[in-house]
Amino acid sequence: MKDTVLLFDLGGVLVENELFAALGAMLSGTLPEAELKARWLASPAVRCYETGGMTDEAFATALVAELDLPMTPAAFIPAFQGWVKGFYPGAIALLGALRRHYRVGCLSNSNALHWIPEYESSFDFSYSSHKTGVIKPDRAAFARVTELQGLVPAQVLYFDDSTANVTAANAFGFQAHQTVGFGELEQTLTALGILPL
């Protein structure tokens, strides 16, 4: 298993993220969460912002208009920043334990408002879409990891909460698993024989 590389999404897997619950509440609960996630991934404003092509202010203006959110762009920015709560309890300890046995990385669609230094220090390598310029579920996001880390896709066990990202990662050749929340991640790692260490 030493050649196996563990690659994790952050939000909804290792990091508590209230983004979709908060957006759903703002939209009066009219969209199921799966549809809201799909709409988020397909949003031109989100894709541009999370690949580093737009300022915080321009993103807020574009997204408030695109989703017809009931707030000003200036009010949206601090709300948006607060929707990501940080690592789930136990996540940092798990990553530290895994790193003693595996190469461990993260691949996240993120942005300057949500990205913190701890995301880089907790992994052997980390890639965020706002820094790489490529975004999941695009094939280029997965290819960036294998190219820069000198991996073949089959070496990578990947964990993400998004159906679209898991489907795309499997098509690329990763061994991808959908896990929603930290508890489900631990269960999946156990089922795969990675835990207990």
C-alpha atoms as a PDB file:
ATOM      1  CA  MET A   1       0.000   0.000   0.000  1.00  0.00           C
ATOM      2  CA  LYS A   2       3.028   2.320   0.219  1.00  0.00           C
ATOM      3  CA  ASP A   3       2.573   3.257  -3.446  1.00  0.00           C
ATOM      4  CA  THR A   4      -1.045   4.191  -2.723  1.00  0.00           C
ATOM      5  CA  VAL A   5      -1.646   7.921  -2.398  1.00  0.00           C
ATOM      6  CA  LEU A   6      -4.629   9.187  -0.419  1.00  0.00           C
ATOM      7  CA  LEU A   7      -6.206  12.287  -1.949  1.00  0.00           C
ATOM      8  CA  PHE A   8      -9.008  14.181  -0.234  1.00  0.00           C
ATOM      9  CA  ASP A   9     -11.464  16.880  -1.111  1.00  0.00           C
ATOM     10  CA  LEU A  10     -11.831  19.343   1.770  1.00  0.00           C
ATOM     11  CA  GLY A  11     -15.355  20.771   2.104  1.00  0.00           C
ATOM     12  CA  GLY A  12     -17.877  18.168   3.193  1.00  0.00           C
ATOM     13  CA  VAL A  13     -15.182  15.508   3.679  1.00  0.00           C
ATOM     14  CA  LEU A  14     -12.550  16.845   6.109  1.00  0.00           C
ATOM     15  CA  VAL A  15     -13.815  20.401   6.526  1.00  0.00           C
ATOM     16  CA  GLU A  16     -17.225  21.445   7.786  1.00  0.00           C
ATOM     17  CA  ASN A  17     -18.907  23.487   5.093  1.00  0.00           C
ATOM     18  CA  GLU A  18     -22.341  25.084   5.472  1.00  0.00           C
ATOM     19  CA  LEU A  19     -22.295  26.657   2.021  1.00  0.00           C
ATOM     20  CA  PHE A  20     -25.107  24.645   0.476  1.00  0.00           C
ATOM     21  CA  ALA A  21     -27.300  24.723   3.578  1.00  0.00           C
ATOM     22  CA  ALA A  22     -26.881  28.502   3.795  1.00  0.00           C
ATOM     23  CA  LEU A  23     -27.521  29.046   0.096  1.00  0.00           C
ATOM     24  CA  GLY A  24     -30.523  26.737   0.252  1.00  0.00           C
ATOM     25  CA  ALA A  25     -31.971  28.747   3.129  1.00  0.00           C
ATOM     26  CA  MET A  26     -31.442  31.994   1.198  1.00  0.00           C
ATOM     27  CA  LEU A  27     -33.273  30.501  -1.756  1.00  0.00           C
ATOM     28  CA  SER A  28     -36.189  29.561   0.533  1.00  0.00           C
ATOM     29  CA  GLY A  29     -35.364  25.864   0.265  1.00  0.00           C
ATOM     30  CA  THR A  30     -36.691  25.739  -3.286  1.00  0.00           C
ATOM     31  CA  LEU A  31     -33.810  23.612  -4.634  1.00  0.00           C
ATOM     32  CA  PRO A  32     -32.799  20.156  -3.399  1.00  0.00           C
ATOM     33  CA  GLU A  33     -29.172  20.123  -2.190  1.00  0.00           C
ATOM     34  CA  ALA A  34     -28.020  17.874  -5.049  1.00  0.00           C
ATOM     35  CA  GLU A  35     -29.439  20.323  -7.591  1.00  0.00           C
ATOM     36  CA  LEU A  36     -27.918  23.269  -5.731  1.00  0.00           C
ATOM     37  CA  LYS A  37     -24.491  21.557  -5.795  1.00  0.00           C
ATOM     38  CA  ALA A  38     -24.819  20.874  -9.525  1.00  0.00           C
ATOM     39  CA  ARG A  39     -25.821  24.473 -10.139  1.00  0.00           C
ATOM     40  CA  TRP A  40     -22.850  25.663  -8.064  1.00  0.00           C
ATOM     41  CA  LEU A  41     -20.395  23.538 -10.069  1.00  0.00           C
ATOM     42  CA  ALA A  42     -21.867  24.805 -13.350  1.00  0.00           C
ATOM     43  CA  SER A  43     -22.010  28.474 -12.322  1.00  0.00           C
ATOM     44  CA  PRO A  44     -19.881  30.712 -14.567  1.00  0.00           C
ATOM     45  CA  ALA A  45     -19.192  33.027 -11.604  1.00  0.00           C
ATOM     46  CA  VAL A  46     -18.096  30.144  -9.357  1.00  0.00           C
ATOM     47  CA  ARG A  47     -15.879  28.599 -12.037  1.00  0.00           C
ATOM     48  CA  CYS A  48     -14.186  31.925 -12.757  1.00  0.00           C
ATOM     49  CA  TYR A  49     -13.731  32.804  -9.070  1.00  0.00           C
ATOM     50  CA  GLU A  50     -12.554  29.387  -7.941  1.00  0.00           C
ATOM     51  CA  THR A  51      -9.957  29.266 -10.715  1.00  0.00           C
ATOM     52  CA  GLY A  52      -8.492  32.585  -9.599  1.00  0.00           C
ATOM     53  CA  GLY A  53      -9.988  34.676 -12.390  1.00  0.00           C
ATOM     54  CA  MET A  54     -12.162  37.058 -10.389  1.00  0.00           C
ATOM     55  CA  THR A  55     -11.880  39.287  -7.318  1.00  0.00           C
ATOM     56  CA  ASP A  56     -13.960  38.647  -4.195  1.00  0.00           C
ATOM     57  CA  GLU A  57     -16.078  41.703  -4.960  1.00  0.00           C
ATOM     58  CA  ALA A  58     -16.686  40.780  -8.605  1.00  0.00           C
ATOM     59  CA  PHE A  59     -17.629  37.243  -7.554  1.00  0.00           C
ATOM     60  CA  ALA A  60     -20.092  38.489  -4.946  1.00  0.00           C
ATOM     61  CA  THR A  61     -21.709  40.838  -7.449  1.00  0.00           C
ATOM     62  CA  ALA A  62     -21.965  38.130 -10.116  1.00  0.00           C
ATOM     63  CA  LEU A  63     -23.263  35.376  -7.819  1.00  0.00           C
ATOM     64  CA  VAL A  64     -25.843  37.562  -6.061  1.00  0.00           C
ATOM     65  CA  ALA A  65     -27.214  38.478  -9.501  1.00  0.00           C
ATOM     66  CA  GLU A  66     -26.946  34.946 -10.924  1.00  0.00           C
ATOM     67  CA  LEU A  67     -28.805  33.305  -8.017  1.00  0.00           C
ATOM     68  CA  ASP A  68     -30.990  36.339  -7.258  1.00  0.00           C
ATOM     69  CA  LEU A  69     -29.862  36.226  -3.619  1.00  0.00           C
ATOM     70  CA  PRO A  70     -31.720  38.452  -1.134  1.00  0.00           C
ATOM     71  CA  MET A  71     -28.632  40.439  -0.037  1.00  0.00           C
ATOM     72  CA  THR A  72     -26.140  42.941  -1.334  1.00  0.00           C
ATOM     73  CA  PRO A  73     -22.765  41.821  -2.674  1.00  0.00           C
ATOM     74  CA  ALA A  74     -21.094  43.647   0.242  1.00  0.00           C
ATOM     75  CA  ALA A  75     -23.153  41.616   2.745  1.00  0.00           C
ATOM     76  CA  PHE A  76     -22.563  38.391   0.831  1.00  0.00           C
ATOM     77  CA  ILE A  77     -18.763  38.387   1.232  1.00  0.00           C
ATOM     78  CA  PRO A  78     -18.587  38.013   5.056  1.00  0.00           C
ATOM     79  CA  ALA A  79     -21.493  35.544   5.029  1.00  0.00           C
ATOM     80  CA  PHE A  80     -19.762  33.451   2.360  1.00  0.00           C
ATOM     81  CA  GLN A  81     -16.473  33.537   4.256  1.00  0.00           C
ATOM     82  CA  GLY A  82     -18.198  32.281   7.413  1.00  0.00           C
ATOM     83  CA  TRP A  83     -19.838  29.272   5.795  1.00  0.00           C
ATOM     84  CA  VAL A  84     -16.623  27.229   5.944  1.00  0.00           C
ATOM     85  CA  LYS A  85     -16.060  26.269   9.587  1.00  0.00           C
ATOM     86  CA  GLY A  86     -12.672  24.519   9.507  1.00  0.00           C
ATOM     87  CA  PHE A  87     -11.592  20.923   9.990  1.00  0.00           C
ATOM     88  CA  TYR A  88     -14.062  18.498  11.556  1.00  0.00           C
ATOM     89  CA  PRO A  89     -13.016  17.375  15.055  1.00  0.00           C
ATOM     90  CA  GLY A  90     -10.500  14.560  14.665  1.00  0.00           C
ATOM     91  CA  ALA A  91      -9.635  15.329  11.039  1.00  0.00           C
ATOM     92  CA  ILE A  92      -6.181  16.811  11.684  1.00  0.00           C
ATOM     93  CA  ALA A  93      -5.236  13.903  13.957  1.00  0.00           C
ATOM     94  CA  LEU A  94      -6.401  11.424  11.304  1.00  0.00           C
ATOM     95  CA  LEU A  95      -4.346  13.150   8.614  1.00  0.00           C
ATOM     96  CA  GLY A  96      -1.263  13.098  10.840  1.00  0.00           C
ATOM     97  CA  ALA A  97      -1.681   9.373  11.473  1.00  0.00           C
ATOM     98  CA  LEU A  98      -2.282   8.619   7.785  1.00  0.00           C
ATOM     99  CA  ARG A  99       0.817  10.596   6.763  1.00  0.00           C
ATOM    100  CA  ARG A 100       3.006   8.207   8.751  1.00  0.00           C
ATOM    101  CA  HIS A 101       1.933   5.403   6.372  1.00  0.00           C
ATOM    102  CA  TYR A 102       0.854   7.085   3.107  1.00  0.00           C
ATOM    103  CA  ARG A 103       1.441  10.127   0.961  1.00  0.00           C
ATOM    104  CA  VAL A 104      -1.572  12.305   1.685  1.00  0.00           C
ATOM    105  CA  GLY A 105      -2.821  15.206  -0.410  1.00  0.00           C
ATOM    106  CA  CYS A 106      -5.826  17.388  -0.995  1.00  0.00           C
ATOM    107  CA  LEU A 107      -7.527  18.532  -4.167  1.00  0.00           C
ATOM    108  CA  SER A 108     -10.104  21.204  -3.522  1.00  0.00           C
ATOM    109  CA  ASN A 109     -12.244  23.638  -5.434  1.00  0.00           C
ATOM    110  CA  SER A 110     -11.601  26.637  -3.222  1.00  0.00           C
ATOM    111  CA  ASN A 111     -10.919  30.347  -3.233  1.00  0.00           C
ATOM    112  CA  ALA A 112      -8.897  33.027  -1.486  1.00  0.00           C
ATOM    113  CA  LEU A 113     -11.586  33.682   1.151  1.00  0.00           C
ATOM    114  CA  HIS A 114     -11.790  30.035   2.242  1.00  0.00           C
ATOM    115  CA  TRP A 115      -8.185  28.857   1.837  1.00  0.00           C
ATOM    116  CA  ILE A 116      -6.088  28.890   5.034  1.00  0.00           C
ATOM    117  CA  PRO A 117      -2.411  27.945   5.629  1.00  0.00           C
ATOM    118  CA  GLU A 118      -3.494  24.949   7.732  1.00  0.00           C
ATOM    119  CA  TYR A 119      -4.836  23.309   4.581  1.00  0.00           C
ATOM    120  CA  GLU A 120      -1.308  23.214   3.191  1.00  0.00           C
ATOM    121  CA  SER A 121       0.507  22.191   6.388  1.00  0.00           C
ATOM    122  CA  SER A 122      -1.849  19.260   7.077  1.00  0.00           C
ATOM    123  CA  PHE A 123      -0.968  17.441   3.834  1.00  0.00           C
ATOM    124  CA  ASP A 124       2.122  16.270   1.981  1.00  0.00           C
ATOM    125  CA  PHE A 125       0.812  18.233  -1.015  1.00  0.00           C
ATOM    126  CA  SER A 126      -2.239  20.392  -1.609  1.00  0.00           C
ATOM    127  CA  TYR A 127      -3.903  21.780  -4.698  1.00  0.00           C
ATOM    128  CA  SER A 128      -6.633  24.389  -4.662  1.00  0.00           C
ATOM    129  CA  SER A 129      -8.416  25.412  -7.834  1.00  0.00           C
ATOM    130  CA  HIS A 130      -7.883  29.118  -7.161  1.00  0.00           C
ATOM    131  CA  LYS A 131      -4.111  28.519  -7.253  1.00  0.00           C
ATOM    132  CA  THR A 132      -3.915  25.910 -10.041  1.00  0.00           C
ATOM    133  CA  GLY A 133      -6.433  27.506 -12.401  1.00  0.00           C
ATOM    134  CA  VAL A 134      -8.193  24.165 -12.963  1.00  0.00           C
ATOM    135  CA  ILE A 135     -11.388  23.002 -11.305  1.00  0.00           C
ATOM    136  CA  LYS A 136     -13.144  19.710 -10.587  1.00  0.00           C
ATOM    137  CA  PRO A 137     -14.892  17.889 -12.177  1.00  0.00           C
ATOM    138  CA  ASP A 138     -12.752  18.867 -15.188  1.00  0.00           C
ATOM    139  CA  ARG A 139     -10.241  16.183 -16.162  1.00  0.00           C
ATOM    140  CA  ALA A 140      -7.437  18.775 -16.020  1.00  0.00           C
ATOM    141  CA  ALA A 141      -7.813  19.068 -12.236  1.00  0.00           C
ATOM    142  CA  PHE A 142      -7.067  15.369 -11.718  1.00  0.00           C
ATOM    143  CA  ALA A 143      -4.328  15.384 -14.356  1.00  0.00           C
ATOM    144  CA  ARG A 144      -2.595  18.263 -12.567  1.00  0.00           C
ATOM    145  CA  VAL A 145      -2.188  16.114  -9.454  1.00  0.00           C
ATOM    146  CA  THR A 146      -0.770  13.105 -11.279  1.00  0.00           C
ATOM    147  CA  GLU A 147       1.569  15.222 -13.405  1.00  0.00           C
ATOM    148  CA  LEU A 148       2.968  17.299 -10.546  1.00  0.00           C
ATOM    149  CA  GLN A 149       3.250  14.354  -8.147  1.00  0.00           C
ATOM    150  CA  GLY A 150       4.617  11.853 -10.675  1.00  0.00           C
ATOM    151  CA  LEU A 151       1.730   9.427 -10.192  1.00  0.00           C
ATOM    152  CA  VAL A 152      -0.301   7.099 -12.341  1.00  0.00           C
ATOM    153  CA  PRO A 153      -4.043   7.512 -11.731  1.00  0.00           C
ATOM    154  CA  ALA A 154      -4.507   3.965 -10.376  1.00  0.00           C
ATOM    155  CA  GLN A 155      -2.242   4.824  -7.410  1.00  0.00           C
ATOM    156  CA  VAL A 156      -4.713   7.394  -6.124  1.00  0.00           C
ATOM    157  CA  LEU A 157      -7.501   6.660  -3.646  1.00  0.00           C
ATOM    158  CA  TYR A 158      -9.696   9.755  -3.807  1.00  0.00           C
ATOM    159  CA  PHE A 159     -12.479  10.893  -1.450  1.00  0.00           C
ATOM    160  CA  ASP A 160     -15.008  13.600  -2.351  1.00  0.00           C
ATOM    161  CA  ASP A 161     -18.574  14.451  -1.340  1.00  0.00           C
ATOM    162  CA  SER A 162     -19.643  15.430  -4.877  1.00  0.00           C
ATOM    163  CA  THR A 163     -21.164  12.813  -7.168  1.00  0.00           C
ATOM    164  CA  ALA A 164     -19.941  14.694 -10.251  1.00  0.00           C
ATOM    165  CA  ASN A 165     -16.376  14.858  -8.933  1.00  0.00           C
ATOM    166  CA  VAL A 166     -16.317  11.175  -7.953  1.00  0.00           C
ATOM    167  CA  THR A 167     -17.675  10.139 -11.355  1.00  0.00           C
ATOM    168  CA  ALA A 168     -15.076  12.262 -13.153  1.00  0.00           C
ATOM    169  CA  ALA A 169     -12.238  11.026 -10.917  1.00  0.00           C
ATOM    170  CA  ASN A 170     -13.171   7.389 -11.571  1.00  0.00           C
ATOM    171  CA  ALA A 171     -13.317   8.087 -15.316  1.00  0.00           C
ATOM    172  CA  PHE A 172      -9.814   9.566 -15.056  1.00  0.00           C
ATOM    173  CA  GLY A 173      -8.567   6.365 -13.420  1.00  0.00           C
ATOM    174  CA  PHE A 174      -8.565   7.245  -9.726  1.00  0.00           C
ATOM    175  CA  GLN A 175     -10.143   4.844  -7.231  1.00  0.00           C
ATOM    176  CA  ALA A 176     -12.714   7.417  -6.118  1.00  0.00           C
ATOM    177  CA  HIS A 177     -15.230   7.124  -3.288  1.00  0.00           C
ATOM    178  CA  GLN A 178     -18.074   9.426  -2.354  1.00  0.00           C
ATOM    179  CA  THR A 179     -18.012  10.278   1.345  1.00  0.00           C
ATOM    180  CA  VAL A 180     -20.245  12.921   2.886  1.00  0.00           C
ATOM    181  CA  GLY A 181     -18.992  14.095   6.266  1.00  0.00           C
ATOM    182  CA  PHE A 182     -16.102  12.976   8.427  1.00  0.00           C
ATOM    183  CA  GLY A 183     -17.920   9.984   9.940  1.00  0.00           C
ATOM    184  CA  GLU A 184     -18.643   8.539   6.509  1.00  0.00           C
ATOM    185  CA  LEU A 185     -15.017   9.114   5.509  1.00  0.00           C
ATOM    186  CA  GLU A 186     -13.800   7.122   8.528  1.00  0.00           C
ATOM    187  CA  GLN A 187     -16.248   4.310   7.693  1.00  0.00           C
ATOM    188  CA  THR A 188     -15.018   4.182   4.098  1.00  0.00           C
ATOM    189  CA  LEU A 189     -11.355   4.175   5.155  1.00  0.00           C
ATOM    190  CA  THR A 190     -12.163   1.282   7.494  1.00  0.00           C
ATOM    191  CA  ALA A 191     -14.026  -0.643   4.779  1.00  0.00           C
ATOM    192  CA  LEU A 192     -11.008  -0.193   2.475  1.00  0.00           C
ATOM    193  CA  GLY A 193      -8.660  -1.591   5.131  1.00  0.00           C
ATOM    194  CA  ILE A 194      -6.800   1.692   5.611  1.00  0.00           C
ATOM    195  CA  LEU A 195      -8.123   2.077   9.146  1.00  0.00           C
ATOM    196  CA  PRO A 196      -7.211   1.050  11.737  1.00  0.00           C
ATOM    197  CA  LEU A 197      -3.569   1.866  11.063  1.00  0.00           C
END
